[in-house]
Amino acid sequence: MYTVNVRFNIVQAFSVEDGKIVAVGTDSEIYKKYKAKETVDAKGQAVYPGFIDAHAHFLGYVQSLFILCFHQVRSHKRHDDMGSQSMLFRKRGWKY
């Protein structure tokens, strides 16, 4: 299992109580300390705990970093100056 602790340790086994991981370690460490009603053998496959679908739109987020907002710009000169540095920037909010 790939942990999500500060070192992102990889462990052999873990114990779950009330839906929460309470211990990680080797098979022998976990079996010695905990008695399970049920066990699952992942047969050496990767286990990643805690996945939650954050439903992020990464492309849209990254594109938004390259948008210059002109809502507060009051002159044509300032508008032109802000966008002249790079053609990679998109302009929006120009009302004048």
N, C-alpha and C. Protein backbone atom coordinates (compact mmCIF):
# COMPACT_ATOMS: atom_id res chain seq x y z
N MET A 1 0.85 -1.17 0.00
CA MET A 1 0.00 0.00 0.00
C MET A 1 0.90 1.23 0.00
N TYR A 2 0.51 2.19 -0.80
CA TYR A 2 1.19 3.48 -0.81
C TYR A 2 0.52 4.36 0.25
N THR A 3 1.29 4.79 1.24
CA THR A 3 0.72 5.62 2.29
C THR A 3 0.70 7.08 1.83
N VAL A 4 -0.01 7.87 2.56
CA VAL A 4 -0.04 9.30 2.28
C VAL A 4 0.54 10.07 3.46
N ASN A 5 1.51 9.45 4.15
CA ASN A 5 2.20 10.16 5.22
C ASN A 5 3.26 11.07 4.60
N VAL A 6 4.00 11.79 5.42
CA VAL A 6 4.96 12.76 4.89
C VAL A 6 6.06 12.13 4.05
N ARG A 7 6.38 10.86 4.28
CA ARG A 7 7.43 10.18 3.50
C ARG A 7 6.87 9.33 2.37
N PHE A 8 5.55 9.21 2.27
CA PHE A 8 4.89 8.37 1.27
C PHE A 8 5.47 6.96 1.28
N ASN A 9 5.57 6.40 2.48
CA ASN A 9 6.09 5.04 2.63
C ASN A 9 5.23 4.02 1.89
N ILE A 10 5.87 2.93 1.49
CA ILE A 10 5.15 1.80 0.92
C ILE A 10 5.20 0.70 1.97
N VAL A 11 4.03 0.18 2.35
CA VAL A 11 3.95 -0.84 3.40
C VAL A 11 3.30 -2.10 2.85
N GLN A 12 3.54 -3.18 3.57
CA GLN A 12 3.04 -4.49 3.15
C GLN A 12 1.59 -4.72 3.59
N ALA A 13 1.22 -4.19 4.75
CA ALA A 13 -0.11 -4.48 5.30
C ALA A 13 -0.63 -3.29 6.10
N PHE A 14 -1.94 -3.30 6.33
CA PHE A 14 -2.55 -2.26 7.16
C PHE A 14 -3.81 -2.81 7.80
N SER A 15 -4.23 -2.15 8.87
CA SER A 15 -5.43 -2.54 9.59
C SER A 15 -6.44 -1.41 9.53
N VAL A 16 -7.72 -1.77 9.36
CA VAL A 16 -8.80 -0.78 9.25
C VAL A 16 -9.80 -1.03 10.36
N GLU A 17 -10.18 0.03 11.07
CA GLU A 17 -11.24 -0.04 12.08
C GLU A 17 -12.22 1.09 11.82
N ASP A 18 -13.50 0.77 11.76
CA ASP A 18 -14.54 1.77 11.51
C ASP A 18 -14.27 2.62 10.27
N GLY A 19 -13.74 1.98 9.22
CA GLY A 19 -13.51 2.66 7.97
C GLY A 19 -12.25 3.51 7.92
N LYS A 20 -11.43 3.45 8.94
CA LYS A 20 -10.20 4.26 8.98
C LYS A 20 -8.98 3.37 9.16
N ILE A 21 -7.90 3.72 8.48
CA ILE A 21 -6.65 2.99 8.64
C ILE A 21 -6.07 3.35 10.00
N VAL A 22 -5.84 2.33 10.85
CA VAL A 22 -5.34 2.59 12.20
C VAL A 22 -3.89 2.16 12.38
N ALA A 23 -3.38 1.33 11.48
CA ALA A 23 -1.99 0.90 11.59
C ALA A 23 -1.48 0.43 10.24
N VAL A 24 -0.18 0.62 10.02
CA VAL A 24 0.48 0.12 8.81
C VAL A 24 1.75 -0.59 9.23
N GLY A 25 2.19 -1.54 8.42
CA GLY A 25 3.42 -2.25 8.73
C GLY A 25 3.58 -3.49 7.87
N THR A 26 4.34 -4.45 8.39
CA THR A 26 4.51 -5.73 7.69
C THR A 26 3.33 -6.63 8.00
N ASP A 27 3.18 -7.70 7.23
CA ASP A 27 2.12 -8.68 7.51
C ASP A 27 2.21 -9.17 8.96
N SER A 28 3.42 -9.57 9.38
CA SER A 28 3.56 -10.14 10.73
C SER A 28 3.25 -9.10 11.81
N GLU A 29 3.65 -7.86 11.63
CA GLU A 29 3.35 -6.81 12.62
C GLU A 29 1.85 -6.60 12.76
N ILE A 30 1.16 -6.56 11.66
CA ILE A 30 -0.29 -6.31 11.69
C ILE A 30 -1.04 -7.52 12.23
N TYR A 31 -0.69 -8.74 11.78
CA TYR A 31 -1.38 -9.94 12.28
C TYR A 31 -1.13 -10.17 13.75
N LYS A 32 0.05 -9.77 14.25
CA LYS A 32 0.38 -9.94 15.67
C LYS A 32 -0.46 -9.02 16.55
N LYS A 33 -0.69 -7.81 16.06
CA LYS A 33 -1.37 -6.80 16.87
C LYS A 33 -2.89 -6.78 16.69
N TYR A 34 -3.41 -7.19 15.54
CA TYR A 34 -4.83 -7.06 15.24
C TYR A 34 -5.43 -8.40 14.82
N LYS A 35 -6.66 -8.63 15.22
CA LYS A 35 -7.42 -9.80 14.81
C LYS A 35 -8.53 -9.31 13.88
N ALA A 36 -8.59 -9.87 12.68
CA ALA A 36 -9.54 -9.39 11.68
C ALA A 36 -10.69 -10.35 11.48
N LYS A 37 -11.89 -9.80 11.26
CA LYS A 37 -13.04 -10.60 10.87
C LYS A 37 -12.90 -11.00 9.41
N GLU A 38 -12.24 -10.16 8.65
CA GLU A 38 -12.08 -10.38 7.21
C GLU A 38 -10.71 -9.86 6.78
N THR A 39 -10.08 -10.57 5.86
CA THR A 39 -8.82 -10.10 5.28
C THR A 39 -8.94 -10.11 3.77
N VAL A 40 -8.15 -9.25 3.13
CA VAL A 40 -8.12 -9.18 1.67
C VAL A 40 -6.67 -9.30 1.25
N ASP A 41 -6.39 -10.26 0.37
CA ASP A 41 -5.05 -10.42 -0.17
C ASP A 41 -5.00 -9.72 -1.52
N ALA A 42 -4.24 -8.63 -1.60
CA ALA A 42 -4.13 -7.88 -2.85
C ALA A 42 -3.15 -8.54 -3.81
N LYS A 43 -2.55 -9.62 -3.39
CA LYS A 43 -1.63 -10.42 -4.24
C LYS A 43 -0.51 -9.55 -4.85
N GLY A 44 0.04 -8.66 -4.02
CA GLY A 44 1.16 -7.84 -4.47
C GLY A 44 0.78 -6.63 -5.31
N GLN A 45 -0.51 -6.44 -5.55
CA GLN A 45 -0.95 -5.29 -6.35
C GLN A 45 -0.92 -4.02 -5.51
N ALA A 46 -0.86 -2.89 -6.16
CA ALA A 46 -0.82 -1.60 -5.46
C ALA A 46 -2.18 -1.27 -4.85
N VAL A 47 -2.14 -0.71 -3.66
CA VAL A 47 -3.35 -0.23 -2.98
C VAL A 47 -3.11 1.25 -2.67
N TYR A 48 -4.06 2.09 -3.09
CA TYR A 48 -3.96 3.53 -2.87
C TYR A 48 -5.16 3.95 -2.02
N PRO A 49 -4.94 4.34 -0.77
CA PRO A 49 -6.07 4.71 0.09
C PRO A 49 -6.55 6.14 -0.14
N GLY A 50 -7.80 6.37 0.18
CA GLY A 50 -8.31 7.73 0.29
C GLY A 50 -8.60 8.48 -0.98
N PHE A 51 -8.82 7.79 -2.08
CA PHE A 51 -9.12 8.52 -3.31
C PHE A 51 -10.51 9.13 -3.22
N ILE A 52 -10.57 10.41 -3.49
CA ILE A 52 -11.83 11.14 -3.53
C ILE A 52 -11.84 11.90 -4.84
N ASP A 53 -12.92 11.83 -5.56
CA ASP A 53 -13.01 12.53 -6.84
C ASP A 53 -13.22 14.02 -6.57
N ALA A 54 -12.16 14.78 -6.70
CA ALA A 54 -12.26 16.23 -6.49
C ALA A 54 -12.88 16.92 -7.69
N HIS A 55 -12.99 16.20 -8.78
CA HIS A 55 -13.59 16.69 -10.02
C HIS A 55 -12.99 18.03 -10.43
N ALA A 56 -11.70 18.07 -10.53
CA ALA A 56 -11.01 19.29 -10.93
C ALA A 56 -10.83 19.30 -12.45
N HIS A 57 -10.98 20.45 -13.03
CA HIS A 57 -10.77 20.64 -14.46
C HIS A 57 -9.39 21.27 -14.63
N PHE A 58 -8.35 20.44 -14.65
CA PHE A 58 -6.99 20.94 -14.65
C PHE A 58 -6.66 21.78 -15.88
N LEU A 59 -7.13 21.38 -17.03
CA LEU A 59 -6.84 22.15 -18.23
C LEU A 59 -7.41 23.56 -18.12
N GLY A 60 -8.66 23.66 -17.69
CA GLY A 60 -9.28 24.98 -17.52
C GLY A 60 -8.57 25.82 -16.47
N TYR A 61 -8.13 25.18 -15.39
CA TYR A 61 -7.40 25.90 -14.35
C TYR A 61 -6.10 26.46 -14.90
N VAL A 62 -5.33 25.63 -15.59
CA VAL A 62 -4.05 26.08 -16.13
C VAL A 62 -4.28 27.18 -17.16
N GLN A 63 -5.28 27.04 -18.01
CA GLN A 63 -5.57 28.08 -18.99
C GLN A 63 -5.93 29.39 -18.30
N SER A 64 -6.62 29.31 -17.16
CA SER A 64 -7.02 30.53 -16.46
C SER A 64 -5.83 31.30 -15.93
N LEU A 65 -4.70 30.65 -15.76
CA LEU A 65 -3.49 31.33 -15.29
C LEU A 65 -2.93 32.27 -16.35
N PHE A 66 -3.37 32.11 -17.60
CA PHE A 66 -2.86 32.91 -18.70
C PHE A 66 -3.91 33.90 -19.22
N ILE A 67 -4.86 34.23 -18.38
CA ILE A 67 -5.89 35.19 -18.77
C ILE A 67 -5.64 36.50 -18.02
N LEU A 68 -5.54 37.58 -18.76
CA LEU A 68 -5.40 38.90 -18.16
C LEU A 68 -6.79 39.50 -17.98
N CYS A 69 -7.14 39.89 -16.77
CA CYS A 69 -8.44 40.49 -16.49
C CYS A 69 -8.35 41.99 -16.59
N PHE A 70 -9.23 42.59 -17.36
CA PHE A 70 -9.22 44.02 -17.60
C PHE A 70 -10.43 44.72 -17.00
N HIS A 71 -11.11 44.11 -16.05
CA HIS A 71 -12.31 44.71 -15.47
C HIS A 71 -12.05 46.07 -14.84
N GLN A 72 -10.87 46.28 -14.27
CA GLN A 72 -10.56 47.53 -13.60
C GLN A 72 -9.74 48.50 -14.46
N VAL A 73 -9.40 48.11 -15.68
CA VAL A 73 -8.60 48.97 -16.56
C VAL A 73 -9.49 50.07 -17.12
N ARG A 74 -9.02 51.33 -17.07
CA ARG A 74 -9.83 52.47 -17.49
C ARG A 74 -9.30 53.19 -18.72
N SER A 75 -8.17 52.74 -19.29
CA SER A 75 -7.65 53.45 -20.46
C SER A 75 -7.19 52.46 -21.52
N HIS A 76 -7.27 52.89 -22.78
CA HIS A 76 -6.80 52.05 -23.88
C HIS A 76 -5.31 51.78 -23.79
N LYS A 77 -4.53 52.79 -23.37
CA LYS A 77 -3.08 52.61 -23.29
C LYS A 77 -2.73 51.52 -22.29
N ARG A 78 -3.33 51.55 -21.13
CA ARG A 78 -3.04 50.52 -20.10
C ARG A 78 -3.46 49.15 -20.62
N HIS A 79 -4.57 49.07 -21.29
CA HIS A 79 -5.05 47.83 -21.88
C HIS A 79 -4.02 47.26 -22.85
N ASP A 80 -3.52 48.11 -23.75
CA ASP A 80 -2.54 47.66 -24.73
C ASP A 80 -1.22 47.27 -24.08
N ASP A 81 -0.78 48.03 -23.06
CA ASP A 81 0.47 47.73 -22.37
C ASP A 81 0.41 46.37 -21.67
N MET A 82 -0.70 46.03 -21.07
CA MET A 82 -0.81 44.78 -20.31
C MET A 82 -0.73 43.56 -21.23
N GLY A 83 -1.22 43.66 -22.42
CA GLY A 83 -1.23 42.51 -23.30
C GLY A 83 -0.08 42.42 -24.27
N SER A 84 0.79 43.42 -24.29
CA SER A 84 1.83 43.44 -25.31
C SER A 84 3.04 42.58 -24.96
N GLN A 85 3.15 42.10 -23.73
CA GLN A 85 4.32 41.32 -23.31
C GLN A 85 4.39 39.96 -23.99
N SER A 86 3.26 39.33 -24.20
CA SER A 86 3.27 37.99 -24.78
C SER A 86 1.94 37.72 -25.46
N MET A 87 2.00 37.07 -26.58
CA MET A 87 0.77 36.69 -27.29
C MET A 87 0.12 35.46 -26.66
N LEU A 88 0.77 34.85 -25.68
CA LEU A 88 0.19 33.67 -25.02
C LEU A 88 -0.97 34.04 -24.11
N PHE A 89 -1.04 35.28 -23.70
CA PHE A 89 -2.08 35.72 -22.79
C PHE A 89 -3.38 36.00 -23.54
N ARG A 90 -4.49 35.57 -22.93
CA ARG A 90 -5.80 35.91 -23.45
C ARG A 90 -6.32 37.08 -22.64
N LYS A 91 -7.07 37.95 -23.28
CA LYS A 91 -7.62 39.11 -22.59
C LYS A 91 -9.11 38.89 -22.38
N ARG A 92 -9.63 39.37 -21.24
CA ARG A 92 -11.07 39.34 -21.04
C ARG A 92 -11.47 40.48 -20.11
N GLY A 93 -12.72 40.87 -20.22
CA GLY A 93 -13.24 41.89 -19.33
C GLY A 93 -13.09 43.31 -19.82
N TRP A 94 -12.63 43.49 -21.06
CA TRP A 94 -12.45 44.84 -21.59
C TRP A 94 -13.82 45.40 -21.96
N LYS A 95 -14.22 46.49 -21.31
CA LYS A 95 -15.54 47.06 -21.54
C LYS A 95 -15.48 48.43 -22.22
N TYR A 96 -14.30 48.98 -22.44
CA TYR A 96 -14.18 50.36 -22.90
C TYR A 96 -13.70 50.44 -24.31
